[in-house]
C-alpha atoms as a PDB file:
ATOM      1  CA  UNK A   1      81.299   5.781-318.446  1.00  0.00           C
ATOM      2  CA  UNK A   2      77.660   5.171-318.040  1.00  0.00           C
ATOM      3  CA  UNK A   3      77.527   1.505-318.544  1.00  0.00           C
ATOM      4  CA  UNK A   4      80.358   1.222-315.961  1.00  0.00           C
ATOM      5  CA  UNK A   5      78.301   3.197-313.419  1.00  0.00           C
ATOM      6  CA  UNK A   6      75.302   1.184-314.071  1.00  0.00           C
ATOM      7  CA  UNK A   7      76.906  -1.941-313.652  1.00  0.00           C
ATOM      8  CA  UNK A   8      78.486  -0.757-310.415  1.00  0.00           C
ATOM      9  CA  UNK A   9      75.183   0.253-308.904  1.00  0.00           C
ATOM     10  CA  UNK A  10      73.582  -3.308-309.849  1.00  0.00           C
ATOM     11  CA  UNK A  11      76.452  -5.123-308.243  1.00  0.00           C
ATOM     12  CA  UNK A  12      76.179  -3.062-304.985  1.00  0.00           C
ATOM     13  CA  UNK A  13      72.334  -3.652-304.857  1.00  0.00           C
ATOM     14  CA  UNK A  14      72.865  -7.408-305.492  1.00  0.00           C
ATOM     15  CA  UNK A  15      75.415  -7.601-302.683  1.00  0.00           C
ATOM     16  CA  UNK A  16      73.245  -5.640-300.247  1.00  0.00           C
ATOM     17  CA  UNK A  17      70.250  -7.886-301.006  1.00  0.00           C
ATOM     18  CA  UNK A  18      72.571 -10.932-300.455  1.00  0.00           C
ATOM     19  CA  UNK A  19      73.973  -9.573-297.167  1.00  0.00           C
ATOM     20  CA  UNK A  20      70.491  -8.717-295.962  1.00  0.00           C
ATOM     21  CA  UNK A  21      69.085 -12.168-296.850  1.00  0.00           C
ATOM     22  CA  UNK A  22      71.857 -13.710-294.897  1.00  0.00           C
ATOM     23  CA  UNK A  23      71.361 -11.929-291.839  1.00  0.00           C
ATOM     24  CA  UNK A  24      67.624 -12.360-291.863  1.00  0.00           C
ATOM     25  CA  UNK A  25      68.156 -16.083-292.248  1.00  0.00           C
ATOM     26  CA  UNK A  26      70.747 -16.151-289.445  1.00  0.00           C
ATOM     27  CA  UNK A  27      68.540 -14.058-287.164  1.00  0.00           C
ATOM     28  CA  UNK A  28      65.595 -16.398-287.833  1.00  0.00           C
ATOM     29  CA  UNK A  29      67.702 -19.464-287.022  1.00  0.00           C
ATOM     30  CA  UNK A  30      69.408 -18.134-283.993  1.00  0.00           C
ATOM     31  CA  UNK A  31      66.451 -16.307-282.466  1.00  0.00           C
ATOM     32  CA  UNK A  32      64.996 -17.951-279.225  1.00  0.00           C
ATOM     33  CA  UNK A  33      62.006 -19.844-280.979  1.00  0.00           C
ATOM     34  CA  UNK A  34      60.670 -16.654-282.375  1.00  0.00           C
ATOM     35  CA  UNK A  35      62.080 -16.251-285.818  1.00  0.00           C
ATOM     36  CA  UNK A  36      61.036 -13.584-288.222  1.00  0.00           C
ATOM     37  CA  UNK A  37      58.642 -16.081-289.877  1.00  0.00           C
ATOM     38  CA  UNK A  38      56.983 -16.632-286.545  1.00  0.00           C
ATOM     39  CA  UNK A  39      57.010 -12.722-285.758  1.00  0.00           C
ATOM     40  CA  UNK A  40      55.254 -12.190-289.169  1.00  0.00           C
ATOM     41  CA  UNK A  41      52.691 -14.986-288.623  1.00  0.00           C
ATOM     42  CA  UNK A  42      51.849 -13.614-285.210  1.00  0.00           C
ATOM     43  CA  UNK A  43      51.647 -10.195-286.503  1.00  0.00           C
ATOM     44  CA  UNK A  44      49.292 -11.364-289.191  1.00  0.00           C
ATOM     45  CA  UNK A  45      47.166 -13.289-286.614  1.00  0.00           C
ATOM     46  CA  UNK A  46      46.920 -10.197-284.441  1.00  0.00           C
ATOM     47  CA  UNK A  47      46.026  -8.199-287.438  1.00  0.00           C
ATOM     48  CA  UNK A  48      43.250 -10.544-288.606  1.00  0.00           C
ATOM     49  CA  UNK A  49      41.939 -11.694-285.194  1.00  0.00           C
ATOM     50  CA  UNK A  50      39.224  -8.955-284.927  1.00  0.00           C
ATOM     51  CA  UNK A  51      38.180  -9.721-288.448  1.00  0.00           C
ATOM     52  CA  UNK A  52      37.911 -13.407-287.489  1.00  0.00           C
ATOM     53  CA  UNK A  53      35.993 -12.641-284.332  1.00  0.00           C
ATOM     54  CA  UNK A  54      33.617 -10.493-286.242  1.00  0.00           C
ATOM     55  CA  UNK A  55      33.041 -13.332-288.758  1.00  0.00           C
ATOM     56  CA  UNK A  56      32.483 -15.838-285.964  1.00  0.00           C
ATOM     57  CA  UNK A  57      29.952 -13.467-284.419  1.00  0.00           C
ATOM     58  CA  UNK A  58      28.003 -13.229-287.632  1.00  0.00           C
ATOM     59  CA  UNK A  59      28.110 -16.767-288.628  1.00  0.00           C
ATOM     60  CA  UNK A  60      27.589 -18.434-285.314  1.00  0.00           C
ATOM     61  CA  UNK A  61      23.948 -17.493-285.075  1.00  0.00           C
ATOM     62  CA  UNK A  62      23.279 -18.812-288.677  1.00  0.00           C
ATOM     63  CA  UNK A  63      25.105 -22.126-288.005  1.00  0.00           C
ATOM     64  CA  UNK A  64      23.289 -22.448-284.584  1.00  0.00           C
ATOM     65  CA  UNK A  65      19.888 -21.895-286.321  1.00  0.00           C
ATOM     66  CA  UNK A  66      20.824 -24.454-288.993  1.00  0.00           C
ATOM     67  CA  UNK A  67      21.689 -26.851-286.268  1.00  0.00           C
ATOM     68  CA  UNK A  68      18.592 -25.997-284.327  1.00  0.00           C
ATOM     69  CA  UNK A  69      16.338 -26.647-287.250  1.00  0.00           C
ATOM     70  CA  UNK A  70      18.185 -29.977-287.927  1.00  0.00           C
ATOM     71  CA  UNK A  71      17.729 -30.903-284.280  1.00  0.00           C
ATOM     72  CA  UNK A  72      13.984 -29.982-284.108  1.00  0.00           C
ATOM     73  CA  UNK A  73      13.374 -32.209-287.224  1.00  0.00           C
ATOM     74  CA  UNK A  74      14.993 -35.056-285.527  1.00  0.00           C
ATOM     75  CA  UNK A  75      13.240 -34.492-282.408  1.00  0.00           C
ATOM     76  CA  UNK A  76       9.915 -34.323-284.037  1.00  0.00           C
ATOM     77  CA  UNK A  77      10.611 -37.630-285.748  1.00  0.00           C
ATOM     78  CA  UNK A  78      11.522 -39.045-282.374  1.00  0.00           C
ATOM     79  CA  UNK A  79       8.504 -37.659-280.863  1.00  0.00           C
ATOM     80  CA  UNK A  80       6.180 -39.145-283.503  1.00  0.00           C
ATOM     81  CA  UNK A  81       7.998 -42.531-283.107  1.00  0.00           C
ATOM     82  CA  UNK A  82       7.331 -42.472-279.214  1.00  0.00           C
ATOM     83  CA  UNK A  83       3.837 -41.249-279.585  1.00  0.00           C
ATOM     84  CA  UNK A  84       3.050 -44.245-281.996  1.00  0.00           C
ATOM     85  CA  UNK A  85       4.807 -46.531-279.403  1.00  0.00           C
ATOM     86  CA  UNK A  86       2.610 -44.996-276.702  1.00  0.00           C
ATOM     87  CA  UNK A  87      -0.620 -45.615-278.820  1.00  0.00           C
ATOM     88  CA  UNK A  88       0.562 -49.188-279.444  1.00  0.00           C
ATOM     89  CA  UNK A  89       1.087 -49.758-275.549  1.00  0.00           C
ATOM     90  CA  UNK A  90      -2.203 -48.274-274.863  1.00  0.00           C
ATOM     91  CA  UNK A  91      -3.984 -50.568-277.271  1.00  0.00           C
ATOM     92  CA  UNK A  92      -2.142 -53.599-275.868  1.00  0.00           C
ATOM     93  CA  UNK A  93      -2.936 -52.492-272.327  1.00  0.00           C
ATOM     94  CA  UNK A  94      -6.705 -52.209-273.443  1.00  0.00           C
ATOM     95  CA  UNK A  95      -6.632 -55.748-274.867  1.00  0.00           C
ATOM     96  CA  UNK A  96      -5.130 -57.212-271.879  1.00  0.00           C
ATOM     97  CA  UNK A  97      -7.645 -55.410-269.575  1.00  0.00           C
ATOM     98  CA  UNK A  98     -10.575 -56.680-271.820  1.00  0.00           C
ATOM     99  CA  UNK A  99      -9.097 -60.300-271.661  1.00  0.00           C
ATOM    100  CA  UNK A 100      -8.728 -59.928-267.800  1.00  0.00           C
ATOM    101  CA  UNK A 101     -12.319 -58.727-267.555  1.00  0.00           C
ATOM    102  CA  UNK A 102     -13.591 -61.673-269.700  1.00  0.00           C
ATOM    103  CA  UNK A 103     -11.480 -64.032-267.604  1.00  0.00           C
ATOM    104  CA  UNK A 104     -13.038 -62.608-264.451  1.00  0.00           C
ATOM    105  CA  UNK A 105     -16.532 -62.897-265.828  1.00  0.00           C
ATOM    106  CA  UNK A 106     -15.877 -66.516-266.973  1.00  0.00           C
ATOM    107  CA  UNK A 107     -14.524 -67.450-263.487  1.00  0.00           C
ATOM    108  CA  UNK A 108     -17.593 -65.991-261.906  1.00  0.00           C
ATOM    109  CA  UNK A 109     -20.126 -67.651-264.266  1.00  0.00           C
ATOM    110  CA  UNK A 110     -18.228 -70.894-263.916  1.00  0.00           C
ATOM    111  CA  UNK A 111     -18.294 -70.737-259.959  1.00  0.00           C
ATOM    112  CA  UNK A 112     -22.098 -69.986-260.079  1.00  0.00           C
ATOM    113  CA  UNK A 113     -24.161 -72.942-258.950  1.00  0.00           C
ATOM    114  CA  UNK A 114     -27.610 -72.941-260.522  1.00  0.00           C
ATOM    115  CA  UNK A 115     -30.644 -73.095-258.035  1.00  0.00           C
ATOM    116  CA  UNK A 116     -31.117 -76.433-256.411  1.00  0.00           C
ATOM    117  CA  UNK A 117     -27.857 -77.581-257.944  1.00  0.00           C
ATOM    118  CA  UNK A 118     -29.446 -77.965-261.499  1.00  0.00           C
ATOM    119  CA  UNK A 119     -27.445 -78.935-264.464  1.00  0.00           C
ATOM    120  CA  UNK A 120     -26.308 -75.908-266.469  1.00  0.00           C
ATOM    121  CA  UNK A 121     -24.319 -75.218-269.688  1.00  0.00           C
ATOM    122  CA  UNK A 122     -21.901 -72.175-269.708  1.00  0.00           C
ATOM    123  CA  UNK A 123     -22.249 -70.058-272.977  1.00  0.00           C
ATOM    124  CA  UNK A 124     -21.124 -66.782-274.272  1.00  0.00           C
ATOM    125  CA  UNK A 125     -23.102 -64.023-275.843  1.00  0.00           C
ATOM    126  CA  UNK A 126     -21.682 -63.372-279.216  1.00  0.00           C
ATOM    127  CA  UNK A 127     -24.294 -61.179-280.870  1.00  0.00           C
ATOM    128  CA  UNK A 128     -27.146 -58.759-280.094  1.00  0.00           C
ATOM    129  CA  UNK A 129     -30.374 -58.145-282.027  1.00  0.00           C
ATOM    130  CA  UNK A 130     -30.540 -56.163-285.080  1.00  0.00           C
ATOM    131  CA  UNK A 131     -31.795 -53.126-282.887  1.00  0.00           C
ATOM    132  CA  UNK A 132     -32.214 -52.402-279.251  1.00  0.00           C
ATOM    133  CA  UNK A 133     -36.022 -53.014-279.736  1.00  0.00           C
ATOM    134  CA  UNK A 134     -35.352 -56.660-280.409  1.00  0.00           C
ATOM    135  CA  UNK A 135     -34.366 -57.585-276.798  1.00  0.00           C
ATOM    136  CA  UNK A 136     -32.516 -60.707-277.836  1.00  0.00           C
ATOM    137  CA  UNK A 137     -29.053 -62.163-277.546  1.00  0.00           C
ATOM    138  CA  UNK A 138     -27.431 -65.012-279.380  1.00  0.00           C
ATOM    139  CA  UNK A 139     -25.284 -67.559-277.506  1.00  0.00           C
ATOM    140  CA  UNK A 140     -22.700 -70.044-278.825  1.00  0.00           C
ATOM    141  CA  UNK A 141     -24.263 -73.105-277.558  1.00  0.00           C
ATOM    142  CA  UNK A 142     -27.354 -75.088-279.026  1.00  0.00           C
ATOM    143  CA  UNK A 143     -28.972 -78.445-279.133  1.00  0.00           C
ATOM    144  CA  UNK A 144     -25.575 -80.225-279.448  1.00  0.00           C
ATOM    145  CA  UNK A 145     -24.996 -79.034-275.895  1.00  0.00           C
ATOM    146  CA  UNK A 146     -28.376 -80.029-274.468  1.00  0.00           C
ATOM    147  CA  UNK A 147     -30.164 -76.603-274.778  1.00  0.00           C
ATOM    148  CA  UNK A 148     -33.893 -76.521-275.491  1.00  0.00           C
ATOM    149  CA  UNK A 149     -36.475 -73.895-276.078  1.00  0.00           C
ATOM    150  CA  UNK A 150     -37.928 -72.550-272.710  1.00  0.00           C
ATOM    151  CA  UNK A 151     -34.936 -72.979-270.617  1.00  0.00           C
ATOM    152  CA  UNK A 152     -33.855 -70.148-268.325  1.00  0.00           C
ATOM    153  CA  UNK A 153     -30.685 -68.238-268.871  1.00  0.00           C
ATOM    154  CA  UNK A 154     -28.935 -66.575-265.910  1.00  0.00           C
ATOM    155  CA  UNK A 155     -25.580 -64.976-264.785  1.00  0.00           C
ATOM    156  CA  UNK A 156     -24.194 -64.234-261.349  1.00  0.00           C
ATOM    157  CA  UNK A 157     -26.567 -61.452-260.838  1.00  0.00           C
ATOM    158  CA  UNK A 158     -29.741 -63.184-261.698  1.00  0.00           C
ATOM    159  CA  UNK A 159     -32.187 -63.915-264.304  1.00  0.00           C
ATOM    160  CA  UNK A 160     -31.184 -62.785-267.967  1.00  0.00           C
ATOM    161  CA  UNK A 161     -34.207 -64.366-269.961  1.00  0.00           C
ATOM    162  CA  UNK A 162     -35.100 -67.644-271.462  1.00  0.00           C
ATOM    163  CA  UNK A 163     -34.279 -69.515-274.720  1.00  0.00           C
ATOM    164  CA  UNK A 164     -36.887 -68.977-277.395  1.00  0.00           C
ATOM    165  CA  UNK A 165     -34.852 -70.512-280.550  1.00  0.00           C
ATOM    166  CA  UNK A 166     -32.251 -73.086-280.773  1.00  0.00           C
ATOM    167  CA  UNK A 167     -30.037 -74.362-283.401  1.00  0.00           C
ATOM    168  CA  UNK A 168     -27.395 -77.232-283.487  1.00  0.00           C
ATOM    169  CA  UNK A 169     -24.467 -74.787-282.191  1.00  0.00           C
ATOM    170  CA  UNK A 170     -26.304 -71.499-281.249  1.00  0.00           C
ATOM    171  CA  UNK A 171     -29.375 -70.338-279.536  1.00  0.00           C
ATOM    172  CA  UNK A 172     -31.415 -67.149-279.025  1.00  0.00           C
ATOM    173  CA  UNK A 173     -32.304 -65.508-275.746  1.00  0.00           C
ATOM    174  CA  UNK A 174     -35.415 -63.429-275.092  1.00  0.00           C
ATOM    175  CA  UNK A 175     -34.367 -60.861-272.489  1.00  0.00           C
ATOM    176  CA  UNK A 176     -36.652 -60.133-269.415  1.00  0.00           C
ATOM    177  CA  UNK A 177     -36.738 -56.542-270.747  1.00  0.00           C
ATOM    178  CA  UNK A 178     -38.860 -57.838-273.724  1.00  0.00           C
ATOM    179  CA  UNK A 179     -42.694 -56.934-273.140  1.00  0.00           C
ATOM    180  CA  UNK A 180     -43.608 -60.312-274.619  1.00  0.00           C
ATOM    181  CA  UNK A 181     -41.671 -62.191-271.778  1.00  0.00           C
ATOM    182  CA  UNK A 182     -43.525 -62.462-268.531  1.00  0.00           C
ATOM    183  CA  UNK A 183     -41.962 -63.793-265.252  1.00  0.00           C
ATOM    184  CA  UNK A 184     -43.842 -65.187-262.279  1.00  0.00           C
ATOM    185  CA  UNK A 185     -42.061 -63.716-259.114  1.00  0.00           C
ATOM    186  CA  UNK A 186     -42.389 -63.845-255.297  1.00  0.00           C
ATOM    187  CA  UNK A 187     -41.646 -61.011-252.918  1.00  0.00           C
ATOM    188  CA  UNK A 188     -39.219 -62.422-250.342  1.00  0.00           C
ATOM    189  CA  UNK A 189     -40.423 -59.714-247.749  1.00  0.00           C
ATOM    190  CA  UNK A 190     -44.034 -60.554-247.901  1.00  0.00           C
ATOM    191  CA  UNK A 191     -44.204 -63.728-249.561  1.00  0.00           C
ATOM    192  CA  UNK A 192     -46.826 -62.262-252.015  1.00  0.00           C
ATOM    193  CA  UNK A 193     -46.648 -63.571-255.706  1.00  0.00           C
ATOM    194  CA  UNK A 194     -47.071 -61.578-258.883  1.00  0.00           C
ATOM    195  CA  UNK A 195     -45.992 -61.077-262.490  1.00  0.00           C
ATOM    196  CA  UNK A 196     -42.961 -59.019-263.722  1.00  0.00           C
ATOM    197  CA  UNK A 197     -43.179 -57.798-267.436  1.00  0.00           C
ATOM    198  CA  UNK A 198     -40.404 -56.076-269.623  1.00  0.00           C
ATOM    199  CA  UNK A 199     -41.246 -52.460-270.779  1.00  0.00           C
ATOM    200  CA  UNK A 200     -38.573 -52.461-273.417  1.00  0.00           C
ATOM    201  CA  UNK A 201     -36.602 -49.961-271.253  1.00  0.00           C
ATOM    202  CA  UNK A 202     -34.369 -50.031-268.044  1.00  0.00           C
ATOM    203  CA  UNK A 203     -37.179 -51.020-265.696  1.00  0.00           C
ATOM    204  CA  UNK A 204     -39.806 -53.820-265.381  1.00  0.00           C
ATOM    205  CA  UNK A 205     -43.328 -53.670-264.316  1.00  0.00           C
ATOM    206  CA  UNK A 206     -44.657 -55.493-261.293  1.00  0.00           C
ATOM    207  CA  UNK A 207     -48.396 -56.523-261.117  1.00  0.00           C
ATOM    208  CA  UNK A 208     -49.934 -58.518-258.209  1.00  0.00           C
ATOM    209  CA  UNK A 209     -53.737 -59.214-258.593  1.00  0.00           C
ATOM    210  CA  UNK A 210     -54.344 -60.628-255.067  1.00  0.00           C
ATOM    211  CA  UNK A 211     -51.916 -58.967-253.003  1.00  0.00           C
ATOM    212  CA  UNK A 212     -52.712 -58.149-249.430  1.00  0.00           C
ATOM    213  CA  UNK A 213     -49.490 -56.746-248.212  1.00  0.00           C
ATOM    214  CA  UNK A 214     -47.934 -53.775-249.815  1.00  0.00           C
ATOM    215  CA  UNK A 215     -44.456 -53.864-251.483  1.00  0.00           C
ATOM    216  CA  UNK A 216     -41.621 -51.597-250.403  1.00  0.00           C
ATOM    217  CA  UNK A 217     -38.793 -50.041-252.317  1.00  0.00           C
ATOM    218  CA  UNK A 218     -35.845 -52.467-252.144  1.00  0.00           C
ATOM    219  CA  UNK A 219     -37.943 -55.621-251.631  1.00  0.00           C
ATOM    220  CA  UNK A 220     -36.151 -58.532-253.428  1.00  0.00           C
ATOM    221  CA  UNK A 221     -38.154 -60.474-256.228  1.00  0.00           C
ATOM    222  CA  UNK A 222     -37.282 -63.854-257.198  1.00  0.00           C
ATOM    223  CA  UNK A 223     -38.839 -66.490-259.540  1.00  0.00           C
ATOM    224  CA  UNK A 224     -41.722 -68.406-258.076  1.00  0.00           C
ATOM    225  CA  UNK A 225     -41.125 -71.582-260.028  1.00  0.00           C
ATOM    226  CA  UNK A 226     -43.932 -71.515-262.644  1.00  0.00           C
ATOM    227  CA  UNK A 227     -42.228 -70.829-265.766  1.00  0.00           C
ATOM    228  CA  UNK A 228     -38.642 -70.600-264.530  1.00  0.00           C
ATOM    229  CA  UNK A 229     -36.655 -72.557-261.743  1.00  0.00           C
ATOM    230  CA  UNK A 230     -37.559 -71.136-258.342  1.00  0.00           C
ATOM    231  CA  UNK A 231     -35.421 -68.754-256.443  1.00  0.00           C
ATOM    232  CA  UNK A 232     -33.676 -67.034-259.247  1.00  0.00           C
ATOM    233  CA  UNK A 233     -33.173 -63.222-258.431  1.00  0.00           C
ATOM    234  CA  UNK A 234     -35.315 -60.963-260.840  1.00  0.00           C
ATOM    235  CA  UNK A 235     -34.815 -57.660-259.376  1.00  0.00           C
ATOM    236  CA  UNK A 236     -35.835 -55.264-256.586  1.00  0.00           C
ATOM    237  CA  UNK A 237     -38.960 -53.211-256.130  1.00  0.00           C
ATOM    238  CA  UNK A 238     -38.140 -49.528-257.312  1.00  0.00           C
ATOM    239  CA  UNK A 239     -41.299 -47.805-255.792  1.00  0.00           C
ATOM    240  CA  UNK A 240     -43.511 -48.584-252.688  1.00  0.00           C
ATOM    241  CA  UNK A 241     -47.052 -49.507-253.569  1.00  0.00           C
ATOM    242  CA  UNK A 242     -50.316 -50.877-252.244  1.00  0.00           C
ATOM    243  CA  UNK A 243     -53.193 -52.660-253.658  1.00  0.00           C
ATOM    244  CA  UNK A 244     -56.347 -50.545-253.809  1.00  0.00           C
ATOM    245  CA  UNK A 245     -59.689 -52.277-253.292  1.00  0.00           C
ATOM    246  CA  UNK A 246     -60.884 -53.805-256.485  1.00  0.00           C
ATOM    247  CA  UNK A 247     -57.540 -53.065-258.326  1.00  0.00           C
ATOM    248  CA  UNK A 248     -54.307 -54.704-258.822  1.00  0.00           C
ATOM    249  CA  UNK A 249     -51.101 -53.678-257.287  1.00  0.00           C
ATOM    250  CA  UNK A 250     -48.580 -52.012-259.830  1.00  0.00           C
ATOM    251  CA  UNK A 251     -45.076 -50.953-259.202  1.00  0.00           C
ATOM    252  CA  UNK A 252     -41.725 -50.798-261.090  1.00  0.00           C
ATOM    253  CA  UNK A 253     -38.712 -53.074-260.747  1.00  0.00           C
ATOM    254  CA  UNK A 254     -35.011 -52.625-261.264  1.00  0.00           C
ATOM    255  CA  UNK A 255     -33.555 -55.662-263.128  1.00  0.00           C
ATOM    256  CA  UNK A 256     -31.029 -57.633-261.264  1.00  0.00           C
ATOM    257  CA  UNK A 257     -28.764 -57.967-264.360  1.00  0.00           C
ATOM    258  CA  UNK A 258     -27.342 -55.064-266.453  1.00  0.00           C
ATOM    259  CA  UNK A 259     -28.370 -56.687-269.746  1.00  0.00           C
ATOM    260  CA  UNK A 260     -26.222 -54.422-271.710  1.00  0.00           C
ATOM    261  CA  UNK A 261     -23.080 -55.694-270.015  1.00  0.00           C
ATOM    262  CA  UNK A 262     -23.903 -59.401-270.072  1.00  0.00           C
ATOM    263  CA  UNK A 263     -21.213 -61.563-271.562  1.00  0.00           C
ATOM    264  CA  UNK A 264     -20.934 -65.159-270.079  1.00  0.00           C
ATOM    265  CA  UNK A 265     -24.121 -66.835-269.139  1.00  0.00           C
ATOM    266  CA  UNK A 266     -25.417 -70.183-267.917  1.00  0.00           C
ATOM    267  CA  UNK A 267     -28.417 -72.024-269.395  1.00  0.00           C
ATOM    268  CA  UNK A 268     -30.246 -74.150-266.862  1.00  0.00           C
ATOM    269  CA  UNK A 269     -30.828 -77.598-268.806  1.00  0.00           C
ATOM    270  CA  UNK A 270     -31.728 -79.609-265.809  1.00  0.00           C
ATOM    271  CA  UNK A 271     -35.228 -77.982-265.151  1.00  0.00           C
ATOM    272  CA  UNK A 272     -38.515 -77.292-267.151  1.00  0.00           C
ATOM    273  CA  UNK A 273     -41.829 -75.993-265.930  1.00  0.00           C
ATOM    274  CA  UNK A 274     -43.113 -79.573-265.749  1.00  0.00           C
ATOM    275  CA  UNK A 275     -40.800 -80.234-262.907  1.00  0.00           C
ATOM    276  CA  UNK A 276     -42.888 -77.819-260.737  1.00  0.00           C
ATOM    277  CA  UNK A 277     -45.877 -80.256-261.030  1.00  0.00           C
ATOM    278  CA  UNK A 278     -43.850 -83.091-259.383  1.00  0.00           C
ATOM    279  CA  UNK A 279     -44.967 -83.854-255.821  1.00  0.00           C
ATOM    280  CA  UNK A 280     -42.498 -82.400-253.199  1.00  0.00           C
ATOM    281  CA  UNK A 281     -41.028 -84.726-250.525  1.00  0.00           C
ATOM    282  CA  UNK A 282     -41.817 -82.685-247.238  1.00  0.00           C
ATOM    283  CA  UNK A 283     -39.321 -84.728-245.399  1.00  0.00           C
ATOM    284  CA  UNK A 284     -36.554 -83.306-247.604  1.00  0.00           C
ATOM    285  CA  UNK A 285     -35.042 -80.140-246.171  1.00  0.00           C
ATOM    286  CA  UNK A 286     -35.102 -77.086-248.466  1.00  0.00           C
ATOM    287  CA  UNK A 287     -31.924 -76.407-250.296  1.00  0.00           C
ATOM    288  CA  UNK A 288     -30.410 -73.071-250.233  1.00  0.00           C
ATOM    289  CA  UNK A 289     -30.332 -70.746-253.313  1.00  0.00           C
ATOM    290  CA  UNK A 290     -27.036 -69.080-253.929  1.00  0.00           C
ATOM    291  CA  UNK A 291     -28.674 -66.558-256.302  1.00  0.00           C
ATOM    292  CA  UNK A 292     -30.899 -65.075-253.522  1.00  0.00           C
ATOM    293  CA  UNK A 293     -29.179 -62.185-251.706  1.00  0.00           C
ATOM    294  CA  UNK A 294     -29.766 -62.386-248.076  1.00  0.00           C
ATOM    295  CA  UNK A 295     -31.167 -59.131-246.703  1.00  0.00           C
END
């Protein structure tokens, strides 16, 4: 009897499960797009949605931080690249400005007409002395270009110095700031003559031994033609001064040329101190001097 009952219960349970499965399948197929599977899925999603939102809220800052660190590293690299590019452009701009400055100076020196239309050679200063106490400059022209010791050196502002050593392709200039170089000058305001000497600094010293008229601040001094071609601007009187009885007149002079900025120059090769001893034809009109600044 027991085996028979056990068999009946098993058979009934099997039939019940079979019918239930059929009903569920039929209901899932015939439902309006919302079968039991979909319903279970939606239920699971609804159940786990808060958990997912919580996980997103916890992980989003971490992910954002990681992305931010990555972006910062990339921006830093880009910033370094741009900074290097800016430095390169600034260097190129400085080089262009330097070339433009040199071109302007060369144009000015080439347009400069020496006094009395004398022959001149354009040169460039390529080296200074060993120290500032030397008061010399080296130029890239020499005897091959007709340059000789004693010739005057000028730029568009006025007198720079004179050649005191020359080689085949270079020459040395002794600057007007050198105490060993003296320049005979004439005051255009009074026509008095005197002597200018370098002091090794920013200013020159003016000495007049037989001056009758005083010199005044701003008076223009030009070469008198004794050791340099006449009419080259040397500088301006810095301090008003008068000659005292039995004493010489002494004042200071501001040089016409900023020697520290001199670059291109002209060496006057068509004149020497011996030319000053030649007789002057009084019938010939005096020629203008482009280096003299009209007051």
